C-alpha atoms as a PDB file:
ATOM      1  CA  MET A   1      11.749   1.318  -7.906  1.00  0.00           C
ATOM      2  CA  ALA A   2       8.857  -0.733  -9.343  1.00  0.00           C
ATOM      3  CA  GLN A   3       6.791  -3.569  -6.704  1.00  0.00           C
ATOM      4  CA  TYR A   4       4.313  -5.614  -7.911  1.00  0.00           C
ATOM      5  CA  ILE A   5       2.374  -5.710  -4.968  1.00  0.00           C
ATOM      6  CA  VAL A   6      -0.651  -8.853  -5.026  1.00  0.00           C
ATOM      7  CA  THR A   7      -1.662  -8.079  -1.078  1.00  0.00           C
ATOM      8  CA  PRO A   8      -3.145  -5.667   1.576  1.00  0.00           C
ATOM      9  CA  ARG A   9       0.039  -6.323   3.613  1.00  0.00           C
ATOM     10  CA  GLN A  10       2.684  -5.806   0.661  1.00  0.00           C
ATOM     11  CA  LEU A  11       0.939  -2.495  -0.260  1.00  0.00           C
ATOM     12  CA  GLY A  12       0.853  -1.022   3.336  1.00  0.00           C
ATOM     13  CA  ALA A  13       4.385  -1.926   3.733  1.00  0.00           C
ATOM     14  CA  ALA A  14       5.211  -0.302   0.560  1.00  0.00           C
ATOM     15  CA  ILE A  15       3.483   2.594   1.512  1.00  0.00           C
ATOM     16  CA  ARG A  16       5.026   2.564   5.316  1.00  0.00           C
ATOM     17  CA  GLN A  17       8.916   2.035   3.434  1.00  0.00           C
ATOM     18  CA  ALA A  18       7.886   5.144   1.028  1.00  0.00           C
ATOM     19  CA  ARG A  19       6.944   7.481   4.191  1.00  0.00           C
ATOM     20  CA  LEU A  20      10.074   6.335   6.167  1.00  0.00           C
ATOM     21  CA  ASP A  21      12.267   7.349   3.473  1.00  0.00           C
ATOM     22  CA  ALA A  22      10.572  10.742   3.031  1.00  0.00           C
ATOM     23  CA  ARG A  23      11.333  11.161   6.621  1.00  0.00           C
ATOM     24  CA  LEU A  24       7.520  11.937   7.276  1.00  0.00           C
ATOM     25  CA  THR A  25       5.860  10.424  10.450  1.00  0.00           C
ATOM     26  CA  GLN A  26       2.288   8.926  10.057  1.00  0.00           C
ATOM     27  CA  GLN A  27       0.840  12.257  11.286  1.00  0.00           C
ATOM     28  CA  GLU A  28       2.268  14.234   8.444  1.00  0.00           C
ATOM     29  CA  LEU A  29       1.391  12.015   5.778  1.00  0.00           C
ATOM     30  CA  ALA A  30      -1.964  11.463   7.134  1.00  0.00           C
ATOM     31  CA  ASP A  31      -2.337  15.217   7.396  1.00  0.00           C
ATOM     32  CA  ARG A  32      -0.596  16.073   3.494  1.00  0.00           C
ATOM     33  CA  SER A  33      -3.156  12.902   2.236  1.00  0.00           C
ATOM     34  CA  ARG A  34      -6.260  14.280   3.939  1.00  0.00           C
ATOM     35  CA  VAL A  35      -6.939  10.909   5.914  1.00  0.00           C
ATOM     36  CA  SER A  36      -6.671  10.417   9.716  1.00  0.00           C
ATOM     37  CA  ARG A  37      -3.594   9.296  10.986  1.00  0.00           C
ATOM     38  CA  ARG A  38      -5.439   5.660  12.646  1.00  0.00           C
ATOM     39  CA  TRP A  39      -6.430   4.492   8.839  1.00  0.00           C
ATOM     40  CA  LEU A  40      -2.638   5.457   7.421  1.00  0.00           C
ATOM     41  CA  GLY A  41      -1.975   3.064  10.225  1.00  0.00           C
ATOM     42  CA  VAL A  42      -3.919   0.456   9.254  1.00  0.00           C
ATOM     43  CA  ILE A  43      -3.538   0.341   5.835  1.00  0.00           C
ATOM     44  CA  GLU A  44       0.487   0.332   6.721  1.00  0.00           C
ATOM     45  CA  LEU A  45      -0.122  -2.514   8.730  1.00  0.00           C
ATOM     46  CA  GLY A  46      -1.854  -3.871   5.283  1.00  0.00           C
ATOM     47  CA  LYS A  47      -5.199  -4.973   8.272  1.00  0.00           C
ATOM     48  CA  ALA A  48      -7.917  -3.018   5.340  1.00  0.00           C
ATOM     49  CA  PRO A  49      -8.142  -5.013   2.484  1.00  0.00           C
ATOM     50  CA  ARG A  50     -11.457  -3.093   1.846  1.00  0.00           C
ATOM     51  CA  ALA A  51      -9.882   0.616   1.591  1.00  0.00           C
ATOM     52  CA  GLU A  52     -11.340   3.467  -0.092  1.00  0.00           C
ATOM     53  CA  LEU A  53      -9.176   3.544  -3.163  1.00  0.00           C
ATOM     54  CA  GLY A  54      -9.374   7.174  -3.866  1.00  0.00           C
ATOM     55  CA  HIS A  55      -7.618   7.634   0.021  1.00  0.00           C
ATOM     56  CA  VAL A  56      -4.934   5.262  -1.372  1.00  0.00           C
ATOM     57  CA  LEU A  57      -4.234   7.011  -4.241  1.00  0.00           C
ATOM     58  CA  ALA A  58      -4.332  10.319  -2.090  1.00  0.00           C
ATOM     59  CA  VAL A  59      -1.702   8.275   0.228  1.00  0.00           C
ATOM     60  CA  LEU A  60       0.532   7.849  -3.222  1.00  0.00           C
ATOM     61  CA  ALA A  61       0.151  11.111  -4.426  1.00  0.00           C
ATOM     62  CA  SER A  62       1.404  12.467  -1.048  1.00  0.00           C
ATOM     63  CA  LEU A  63       4.241  10.581  -1.874  1.00  0.00           C
ATOM     64  CA  ASP A  64       4.653  11.442  -5.016  1.00  0.00           C
ATOM     65  CA  LEU A  65       4.111   7.474  -6.149  1.00  0.00           C
ATOM     66  CA  GLY A  66       1.498   6.308  -8.224  1.00  0.00           C
ATOM     67  CA  LEU A  67       0.227   3.125  -9.750  1.00  0.00           C
ATOM     68  CA  GLN A  68       0.375   1.133 -13.083  1.00  0.00           C
ATOM     69  CA  LEU A  69      -1.156  -1.636 -14.090  1.00  0.00           C
ATOM     70  CA  ALA A  70       1.087  -4.211 -15.290  1.00  0.00           C
ATOM     71  CA  ASN A  71       0.370  -8.061 -16.575  1.00  0.00           C
ATOM     72  CA  LYS A  72       1.261 -10.434 -14.005  1.00  0.00           C
ATOM     73  CA  PRO A  73       4.715 -12.055 -13.933  1.00  0.00           C
ATOM     74  CA  LYS A  74       5.053 -15.750 -14.912  1.00  0.00           C
ATOM     75  CA  LEU A  75       6.072 -16.784 -11.607  1.00  0.00           C
ATOM     76  CA  TYR A  76       2.943 -15.292 -10.257  1.00  0.00           C
ATOM     77  CA  GLY A  77       0.129 -18.007 -11.057  1.00  0.00           C
ATOM     78  CA  GLN A  78      -3.600 -18.214  -9.778  1.00  0.00           C
ATOM     79  CA  GLU A  79      -2.372 -20.215  -6.823  1.00  0.00           C
ATOM     80  CA  ALA A  80       0.960 -18.154  -5.607  1.00  0.00           C
ATOM     81  CA  ILE A  81      -1.396 -14.678  -5.693  1.00  0.00           C
ATOM     82  CA  ALA A  82      -3.970 -16.979  -3.316  1.00  0.00           C
ATOM     83  CA  ALA A  83      -1.398 -18.580  -0.947  1.00  0.00           C
ATOM     84  CA  ALA A  84       0.617 -14.559  -0.697  1.00  0.00           C
ATOM     85  CA  TYR A  85      -2.999 -13.064   0.114  1.00  0.00           C
ATOM     86  CA  LEU A  86      -3.836 -15.832   2.548  1.00  0.00           C
ATOM     87  CA  GLU A  87      -0.700 -15.689   4.244  1.00  0.00           C
ATOM     88  CA  ALA A  88      -1.469 -12.376   4.737  1.00  0.00           C
ATOM     89  CA  LEU A  89      -4.653 -12.514   6.661  1.00  0.00           C
END
């Protein structure tokens, strides 16, 4: 299912849900992705706004997921994006 993600918190929640759907522990996913369990936990909490893209892509690949760039939906104006980001902090 495609999701429109604009905040680190939303990305973390999507990764966590995909991990749970795959019935993996954080340690199992971290091992498959070659990242630390601690790093993965921080990502899942949405607390790493400057996470290394290569690590994020490795985690997504381990979950058989990927990124797709798309035009923003009309309902996401600049104010809505800024508000969602600030809410996630």
